[in-house]
Amino acid sequence: MRNHGYQSYFDNEVLAATPLQLVQMLYGAALDSIAAARRYLRLGDIRARSRAISKALRIVTELSACLRPEAGGELSRNLAGVYGYVLRLLIEANIKQIEPPLMEAEGLLSTLAEAWKLCAPVEAEHGFSESGLRVKR
């Protein structure tokens, strides 16, 4: 459970973030959740593993919901496909209680997170009007 001071700091960080920074935060949280799920799987902690996977599922679902196919075109459609595949991997890992789908999901999201880091100079110059991304606050 977060203490009040940390929660205030986190709230301020989110409120001050650009859309790109919010996406990067979501990727970081999803990757942290998958890493935790892998750790809990190895420890045999079913409840904690399930909670961590559920959190990753919610985050990837939110990333998918933020896509704007009308503005992002093929890129948005491709990301939606990857997010759908990652969701299936996470569900498979949770149902079968196996690590390989978690490893694959982690690898895909890590690659995408790195790609989003490369967007920072573009965002600084042009903003996100052409990116096909909609971030709800």
N, C-alpha and C. Protein backbone atom coordinates (compact mmCIF):
# COMPACT_ATOMS: atom_id res chain seq x y z
N MET A 1 0.84 -1.17 0.00
CA MET A 1 0.00 0.00 0.00
C MET A 1 0.89 1.24 0.00
N ARG A 2 0.56 2.20 -0.83
CA ARG A 2 1.36 3.42 -0.93
C ARG A 2 1.04 4.36 0.22
N ASN A 3 2.10 5.03 0.70
CA ASN A 3 1.83 6.04 1.70
C ASN A 3 1.39 7.32 0.99
N HIS A 4 0.84 8.25 1.76
CA HIS A 4 0.25 9.45 1.19
C HIS A 4 1.27 10.29 0.41
N GLY A 5 2.49 10.46 0.97
CA GLY A 5 3.51 11.26 0.30
C GLY A 5 3.89 10.71 -1.05
N TYR A 6 4.10 9.40 -1.11
CA TYR A 6 4.46 8.77 -2.38
C TYR A 6 3.30 8.87 -3.37
N GLN A 7 2.08 8.67 -2.89
CA GLN A 7 0.91 8.74 -3.77
C GLN A 7 0.78 10.14 -4.36
N SER A 8 1.01 11.17 -3.56
CA SER A 8 0.93 12.55 -4.05
C SER A 8 1.99 12.79 -5.12
N TYR A 9 3.21 12.31 -4.85
CA TYR A 9 4.29 12.45 -5.84
C TYR A 9 3.92 11.75 -7.14
N PHE A 10 3.43 10.52 -7.02
CA PHE A 10 3.06 9.75 -8.20
C PHE A 10 1.92 10.44 -8.96
N ASP A 11 0.92 10.92 -8.25
CA ASP A 11 -0.20 11.62 -8.89
C ASP A 11 0.30 12.84 -9.66
N ASN A 12 1.19 13.61 -9.04
CA ASN A 12 1.73 14.80 -9.70
C ASN A 12 2.55 14.42 -10.93
N GLU A 13 3.31 13.34 -10.82
CA GLU A 13 4.12 12.89 -11.96
C GLU A 13 3.22 12.51 -13.14
N VAL A 14 2.13 11.82 -12.86
CA VAL A 14 1.20 11.41 -13.92
C VAL A 14 0.51 12.64 -14.51
N LEU A 15 0.05 13.55 -13.67
CA LEU A 15 -0.66 14.73 -14.16
C LEU A 15 0.23 15.64 -15.00
N ALA A 16 1.53 15.66 -14.71
CA ALA A 16 2.46 16.51 -15.45
C ALA A 16 3.04 15.83 -16.69
N ALA A 17 2.78 14.55 -16.86
CA ALA A 17 3.40 13.78 -17.95
C ALA A 17 2.77 14.11 -19.30
N THR A 18 3.61 14.02 -20.31
CA THR A 18 3.12 14.12 -21.69
C THR A 18 2.48 12.79 -22.07
N PRO A 19 1.72 12.75 -23.16
CA PRO A 19 1.17 11.45 -23.59
C PRO A 19 2.25 10.39 -23.79
N LEU A 20 3.39 10.76 -24.35
CA LEU A 20 4.47 9.80 -24.55
C LEU A 20 4.99 9.29 -23.21
N GLN A 21 5.15 10.17 -22.25
CA GLN A 21 5.62 9.75 -20.94
C GLN A 21 4.61 8.81 -20.27
N LEU A 22 3.33 9.08 -20.46
CA LEU A 22 2.30 8.19 -19.90
C LEU A 22 2.39 6.80 -20.52
N VAL A 23 2.59 6.75 -21.83
CA VAL A 23 2.74 5.45 -22.50
C VAL A 23 3.96 4.73 -21.96
N GLN A 24 5.06 5.45 -21.79
CA GLN A 24 6.28 4.84 -21.26
C GLN A 24 6.06 4.34 -19.83
N MET A 25 5.31 5.08 -19.03
CA MET A 25 4.99 4.63 -17.67
C MET A 25 4.16 3.34 -17.70
N LEU A 26 3.22 3.28 -18.63
CA LEU A 26 2.39 2.07 -18.75
C LEU A 26 3.24 0.87 -19.15
N TYR A 27 4.13 1.07 -20.11
CA TYR A 27 5.02 -0.04 -20.50
C TYR A 27 5.87 -0.49 -19.32
N GLY A 28 6.42 0.47 -18.58
CA GLY A 28 7.24 0.12 -17.42
C GLY A 28 6.45 -0.67 -16.39
N ALA A 29 5.22 -0.25 -16.13
CA ALA A 29 4.39 -0.95 -15.15
C ALA A 29 4.02 -2.34 -15.65
N ALA A 30 3.73 -2.47 -16.93
CA ALA A 30 3.40 -3.80 -17.48
C ALA A 30 4.60 -4.73 -17.38
N LEU A 31 5.77 -4.22 -17.72
CA LEU A 31 6.99 -5.05 -17.65
C LEU A 31 7.30 -5.43 -16.21
N ASP A 32 7.11 -4.50 -15.29
CA ASP A 32 7.32 -4.81 -13.86
C ASP A 32 6.35 -5.90 -13.41
N SER A 33 5.10 -5.83 -13.85
CA SER A 33 4.10 -6.82 -13.47
C SER A 33 4.43 -8.20 -14.03
N ILE A 34 4.90 -8.23 -15.26
CA ILE A 34 5.27 -9.52 -15.87
C ILE A 34 6.48 -10.11 -15.15
N ALA A 35 7.46 -9.27 -14.83
CA ALA A 35 8.62 -9.77 -14.08
C ALA A 35 8.19 -10.32 -12.73
N ALA A 36 7.27 -9.63 -12.07
CA ALA A 36 6.77 -10.12 -10.78
C ALA A 36 6.02 -11.44 -10.97
N ALA A 37 5.23 -11.54 -12.02
CA ALA A 37 4.50 -12.79 -12.29
C ALA A 37 5.47 -13.95 -12.49
N ARG A 38 6.55 -13.70 -13.21
CA ARG A 38 7.55 -14.76 -13.43
C ARG A 38 8.18 -15.17 -12.10
N ARG A 39 8.48 -14.19 -11.27
CA ARG A 39 9.07 -14.47 -9.96
C ARG A 39 8.10 -15.28 -9.09
N TYR A 40 6.84 -14.86 -9.05
CA TYR A 40 5.84 -15.58 -8.25
C TYR A 40 5.56 -16.97 -8.79
N LEU A 41 5.63 -17.13 -10.10
CA LEU A 41 5.45 -18.45 -10.71
C LEU A 41 6.55 -19.39 -10.21
N ARG A 42 7.78 -18.92 -10.23
CA ARG A 42 8.91 -19.75 -9.76
C ARG A 42 8.79 -20.06 -8.26
N LEU A 43 8.21 -19.13 -7.49
CA LEU A 43 8.04 -19.34 -6.06
C LEU A 43 6.81 -20.19 -5.72
N GLY A 44 5.96 -20.41 -6.72
CA GLY A 44 4.75 -21.19 -6.49
C GLY A 44 3.64 -20.41 -5.80
N ASP A 45 3.71 -19.09 -5.81
CA ASP A 45 2.69 -18.24 -5.20
C ASP A 45 1.61 -17.94 -6.23
N ILE A 46 0.60 -18.79 -6.26
CA ILE A 46 -0.44 -18.71 -7.29
C ILE A 46 -1.21 -17.40 -7.22
N ARG A 47 -1.62 -17.01 -6.02
CA ARG A 47 -2.42 -15.80 -5.88
C ARG A 47 -1.64 -14.56 -6.35
N ALA A 48 -0.39 -14.43 -5.91
CA ALA A 48 0.42 -13.27 -6.30
C ALA A 48 0.70 -13.28 -7.81
N ARG A 49 0.96 -14.47 -8.36
CA ARG A 49 1.19 -14.58 -9.81
C ARG A 49 -0.04 -14.12 -10.57
N SER A 50 -1.19 -14.57 -10.13
CA SER A 50 -2.43 -14.22 -10.80
C SER A 50 -2.70 -12.72 -10.71
N ARG A 51 -2.43 -12.11 -9.56
CA ARG A 51 -2.62 -10.66 -9.41
C ARG A 51 -1.68 -9.89 -10.34
N ALA A 52 -0.44 -10.33 -10.42
CA ALA A 52 0.54 -9.65 -11.28
C ALA A 52 0.14 -9.76 -12.75
N ILE A 53 -0.29 -10.94 -13.16
CA ILE A 53 -0.73 -11.12 -14.56
C ILE A 53 -1.98 -10.29 -14.82
N SER A 54 -2.90 -10.26 -13.87
CA SER A 54 -4.12 -9.45 -14.04
C SER A 54 -3.78 -7.98 -14.20
N LYS A 55 -2.81 -7.51 -13.45
CA LYS A 55 -2.39 -6.11 -13.58
C LYS A 55 -1.81 -5.86 -14.97
N ALA A 56 -0.95 -6.76 -15.44
CA ALA A 56 -0.38 -6.62 -16.78
C ALA A 56 -1.48 -6.65 -17.84
N LEU A 57 -2.48 -7.50 -17.67
CA LEU A 57 -3.61 -7.56 -18.60
C LEU A 57 -4.34 -6.22 -18.65
N ARG A 58 -4.59 -5.62 -17.49
CA ARG A 58 -5.29 -4.33 -17.45
C ARG A 58 -4.48 -3.25 -18.15
N ILE A 59 -3.18 -3.27 -17.95
CA ILE A 59 -2.32 -2.24 -18.56
C ILE A 59 -2.29 -2.39 -20.07
N VAL A 60 -2.10 -3.61 -20.56
CA VAL A 60 -2.06 -3.82 -22.01
C VAL A 60 -3.42 -3.50 -22.63
N THR A 61 -4.49 -3.81 -21.92
CA THR A 61 -5.83 -3.45 -22.41
C THR A 61 -5.95 -1.93 -22.52
N GLU A 62 -5.43 -1.21 -21.55
CA GLU A 62 -5.46 0.26 -21.59
C GLU A 62 -4.62 0.79 -22.75
N LEU A 63 -3.45 0.21 -22.97
CA LEU A 63 -2.63 0.62 -24.11
C LEU A 63 -3.39 0.42 -25.42
N SER A 64 -4.07 -0.68 -25.53
CA SER A 64 -4.85 -0.97 -26.73
C SER A 64 -6.00 0.02 -26.89
N ALA A 65 -6.64 0.36 -25.78
CA ALA A 65 -7.77 1.29 -25.83
C ALA A 65 -7.35 2.70 -26.21
N CYS A 66 -6.08 3.03 -26.01
CA CYS A 66 -5.57 4.37 -26.33
C CYS A 66 -5.24 4.54 -27.82
N LEU A 67 -5.28 3.49 -28.57
CA LEU A 67 -4.95 3.58 -29.99
C LEU A 67 -6.05 4.32 -30.74
N ARG A 68 -5.66 5.06 -31.75
CA ARG A 68 -6.61 5.77 -32.60
C ARG A 68 -6.41 5.30 -34.04
N PRO A 69 -7.08 4.23 -34.44
CA PRO A 69 -6.88 3.71 -35.80
C PRO A 69 -7.15 4.73 -36.90
N GLU A 70 -8.10 5.64 -36.65
CA GLU A 70 -8.42 6.63 -37.68
C GLU A 70 -7.26 7.59 -37.92
N ALA A 71 -6.44 7.83 -36.92
CA ALA A 71 -5.30 8.73 -37.07
C ALA A 71 -4.00 7.96 -37.29
N GLY A 72 -3.88 6.80 -36.66
CA GLY A 72 -2.62 6.05 -36.71
C GLY A 72 -2.53 5.04 -37.83
N GLY A 73 -3.65 4.77 -38.49
CA GLY A 73 -3.65 3.87 -39.63
C GLY A 73 -3.03 2.51 -39.37
N GLU A 74 -2.13 2.14 -40.25
CA GLU A 74 -1.51 0.81 -40.18
C GLU A 74 -0.73 0.59 -38.88
N LEU A 75 -0.06 1.62 -38.40
CA LEU A 75 0.69 1.50 -37.16
C LEU A 75 -0.25 1.13 -36.00
N SER A 76 -1.37 1.81 -35.90
CA SER A 76 -2.34 1.51 -34.84
C SER A 76 -2.88 0.09 -34.98
N ARG A 77 -3.18 -0.31 -36.21
CA ARG A 77 -3.69 -1.67 -36.43
C ARG A 77 -2.65 -2.72 -36.05
N ASN A 78 -1.39 -2.46 -36.39
CA ASN A 78 -0.32 -3.41 -36.04
C ASN A 78 -0.12 -3.48 -34.53
N LEU A 79 -0.13 -2.33 -33.87
CA LEU A 79 0.00 -2.33 -32.42
C LEU A 79 -1.18 -3.06 -31.77
N ALA A 80 -2.37 -2.85 -32.29
CA ALA A 80 -3.55 -3.55 -31.75
C ALA A 80 -3.37 -5.06 -31.88
N GLY A 81 -2.81 -5.51 -32.99
CA GLY A 81 -2.55 -6.93 -33.17
C GLY A 81 -1.53 -7.46 -32.17
N VAL A 82 -0.47 -6.70 -31.94
CA VAL A 82 0.55 -7.12 -30.97
C VAL A 82 -0.05 -7.15 -29.57
N TYR A 83 -0.81 -6.11 -29.23
CA TYR A 83 -1.42 -6.07 -27.90
C TYR A 83 -2.38 -7.25 -27.70
N GLY A 84 -3.14 -7.58 -28.73
CA GLY A 84 -4.04 -8.74 -28.64
C GLY A 84 -3.27 -10.03 -28.42
N TYR A 85 -2.16 -10.17 -29.11
CA TYR A 85 -1.32 -11.36 -28.96
C TYR A 85 -0.72 -11.42 -27.56
N VAL A 86 -0.25 -10.28 -27.04
CA VAL A 86 0.31 -10.23 -25.69
C VAL A 86 -0.77 -10.61 -24.67
N LEU A 87 -1.98 -10.13 -24.87
CA LEU A 87 -3.07 -10.50 -23.96
C LEU A 87 -3.29 -12.01 -23.95
N ARG A 88 -3.27 -12.62 -25.13
CA ARG A 88 -3.44 -14.08 -25.22
C ARG A 88 -2.29 -14.80 -24.51
N LEU A 89 -1.07 -14.30 -24.66
CA LEU A 89 0.08 -14.91 -23.98
C LEU A 89 -0.09 -14.84 -22.46
N LEU A 90 -0.51 -13.69 -21.98
CA LEU A 90 -0.69 -13.53 -20.53
C LEU A 90 -1.78 -14.46 -20.00
N ILE A 91 -2.85 -14.59 -20.73
CA ILE A 91 -3.93 -15.48 -20.32
C ILE A 91 -3.45 -16.93 -20.33
N GLU A 92 -2.72 -17.30 -21.37
CA GLU A 92 -2.17 -18.66 -21.44
C GLU A 92 -1.25 -18.94 -20.26
N ALA A 93 -0.38 -17.99 -19.94
CA ALA A 93 0.55 -18.17 -18.81
C ALA A 93 -0.22 -18.35 -17.51
N ASN A 94 -1.29 -17.62 -17.35
CA ASN A 94 -2.05 -17.70 -16.11
C ASN A 94 -2.82 -19.02 -16.02
N ILE A 95 -3.42 -19.43 -17.12
CA ILE A 95 -4.21 -20.66 -17.11
C ILE A 95 -3.32 -21.89 -16.95
N LYS A 96 -2.24 -21.93 -17.74
CA LYS A 96 -1.37 -23.12 -17.75
C LYS A 96 -0.29 -23.06 -16.68
N GLN A 97 -0.14 -21.90 -16.04
CA GLN A 97 0.88 -21.71 -15.00
C GLN A 97 2.28 -22.07 -15.52
N ILE A 98 2.61 -21.46 -16.68
CA ILE A 98 3.90 -21.71 -17.32
C ILE A 98 4.59 -20.38 -17.62
N GLU A 99 5.90 -20.41 -17.70
CA GLU A 99 6.69 -19.20 -17.87
C GLU A 99 6.94 -18.78 -19.33
N PRO A 100 7.06 -19.69 -20.29
CA PRO A 100 7.40 -19.25 -21.64
C PRO A 100 6.50 -18.16 -22.23
N PRO A 101 5.17 -18.21 -22.05
CA PRO A 101 4.37 -17.11 -22.59
C PRO A 101 4.67 -15.77 -21.90
N LEU A 102 5.00 -15.81 -20.63
CA LEU A 102 5.38 -14.58 -19.93
C LEU A 102 6.68 -14.02 -20.50
N MET A 103 7.62 -14.91 -20.78
CA MET A 103 8.89 -14.49 -21.36
C MET A 103 8.68 -13.85 -22.74
N GLU A 104 7.80 -14.45 -23.54
CA GLU A 104 7.54 -13.90 -24.88
C GLU A 104 6.84 -12.55 -24.78
N ALA A 105 5.85 -12.45 -23.89
CA ALA A 105 5.14 -11.18 -23.70
C ALA A 105 6.11 -10.09 -23.23
N GLU A 106 6.98 -10.45 -22.31
CA GLU A 106 7.98 -9.52 -21.80
C GLU A 106 8.91 -9.05 -22.92
N GLY A 107 9.33 -9.97 -23.77
CA GLY A 107 10.20 -9.61 -24.88
C GLY A 107 9.53 -8.66 -25.86
N LEU A 108 8.27 -8.94 -26.20
CA LEU A 108 7.54 -8.08 -27.13
C LEU A 108 7.35 -6.68 -26.54
N LEU A 109 6.92 -6.62 -25.29
CA LEU A 109 6.69 -5.31 -24.68
C LEU A 109 8.00 -4.55 -24.47
N SER A 110 9.07 -5.26 -24.18
CA SER A 110 10.38 -4.60 -24.04
C SER A 110 10.81 -3.96 -25.35
N THR A 111 10.61 -4.68 -26.44
CA THR A 111 10.96 -4.15 -27.76
C THR A 111 10.14 -2.91 -28.08
N LEU A 112 8.84 -2.98 -27.80
CA LEU A 112 7.97 -1.82 -28.05
C LEU A 112 8.34 -0.65 -27.14
N ALA A 113 8.67 -0.92 -25.89
CA ALA A 113 9.06 0.14 -24.96
C ALA A 113 10.30 0.86 -25.48
N GLU A 114 11.25 0.10 -26.01
CA GLU A 114 12.45 0.72 -26.58
C GLU A 114 12.10 1.59 -27.77
N ALA A 115 11.18 1.13 -28.60
CA ALA A 115 10.76 1.91 -29.76
C ALA A 115 10.10 3.22 -29.31
N TRP A 116 9.28 3.16 -28.27
CA TRP A 116 8.64 4.38 -27.77
C TRP A 116 9.67 5.37 -27.23
N LYS A 117 10.77 4.87 -26.68
CA LYS A 117 11.82 5.78 -26.20
C LYS A 117 12.40 6.59 -27.36
N LEU A 118 12.45 5.98 -28.53
CA LEU A 118 12.98 6.67 -29.70
C LEU A 118 12.03 7.74 -30.21
N CYS A 119 10.79 7.73 -29.73
CA CYS A 119 9.80 8.73 -30.16
C CYS A 119 9.97 10.06 -29.44
N ALA A 120 10.72 10.11 -28.36
CA ALA A 120 10.84 11.33 -27.58
C ALA A 120 11.30 12.53 -28.41
N PRO A 121 12.33 12.40 -29.25
CA PRO A 121 12.73 13.56 -30.06
C PRO A 121 11.64 13.99 -31.04
N VAL A 122 10.90 13.05 -31.57
CA VAL A 122 9.82 13.37 -32.51
C VAL A 122 8.69 14.09 -31.78
N GLU A 123 8.36 13.61 -30.59
CA GLU A 123 7.30 14.25 -29.82
C GLU A 123 7.69 15.68 -29.47
N ALA A 124 8.95 15.87 -29.09
CA ALA A 124 9.40 17.21 -28.72
C ALA A 124 9.29 18.17 -29.89
N GLU A 125 9.52 17.67 -31.09
CA GLU A 125 9.49 18.53 -32.27
C GLU A 125 8.09 18.71 -32.83
N HIS A 126 7.29 17.62 -32.86
CA HIS A 126 6.01 17.66 -33.57
C HIS A 126 4.79 17.42 -32.70
N GLY A 127 4.97 16.93 -31.51
CA GLY A 127 3.81 16.56 -30.69
C GLY A 127 3.27 15.23 -31.14
N PHE A 128 2.14 14.85 -30.62
CA PHE A 128 1.57 13.53 -30.92
C PHE A 128 0.37 13.61 -31.84
N SER A 129 0.16 14.71 -32.51
CA SER A 129 -1.03 14.86 -33.34
C SER A 129 -1.10 13.84 -34.46
N GLU A 130 0.02 13.37 -34.93
CA GLU A 130 0.04 12.42 -36.04
C GLU A 130 0.29 10.99 -35.62
N SER A 131 0.37 10.72 -34.32
CA SER A 131 0.82 9.42 -33.86
C SER A 131 -0.25 8.35 -33.80
N GLY A 132 -1.51 8.75 -33.82
CA GLY A 132 -2.56 7.74 -33.66
C GLY A 132 -2.72 7.32 -32.22
N LEU A 133 -2.34 8.18 -31.30
CA LEU A 133 -2.40 7.85 -29.87
C LEU A 133 -3.36 8.80 -29.18
N ARG A 134 -4.18 8.26 -28.34
CA ARG A 134 -5.09 9.07 -27.52
C ARG A 134 -4.90 8.59 -26.09
N VAL A 135 -4.49 9.47 -25.22
CA VAL A 135 -4.30 9.11 -23.82
C VAL A 135 -5.38 9.81 -23.01
N LYS A 136 -6.15 9.00 -22.29
CA LYS A 136 -7.23 9.54 -21.46
C LYS A 136 -6.66 9.92 -20.11
N ARG A 137 -7.05 11.04 -19.60
CA ARG A 137 -6.64 11.48 -18.25
C ARG A 137 -7.83 11.46 -17.35
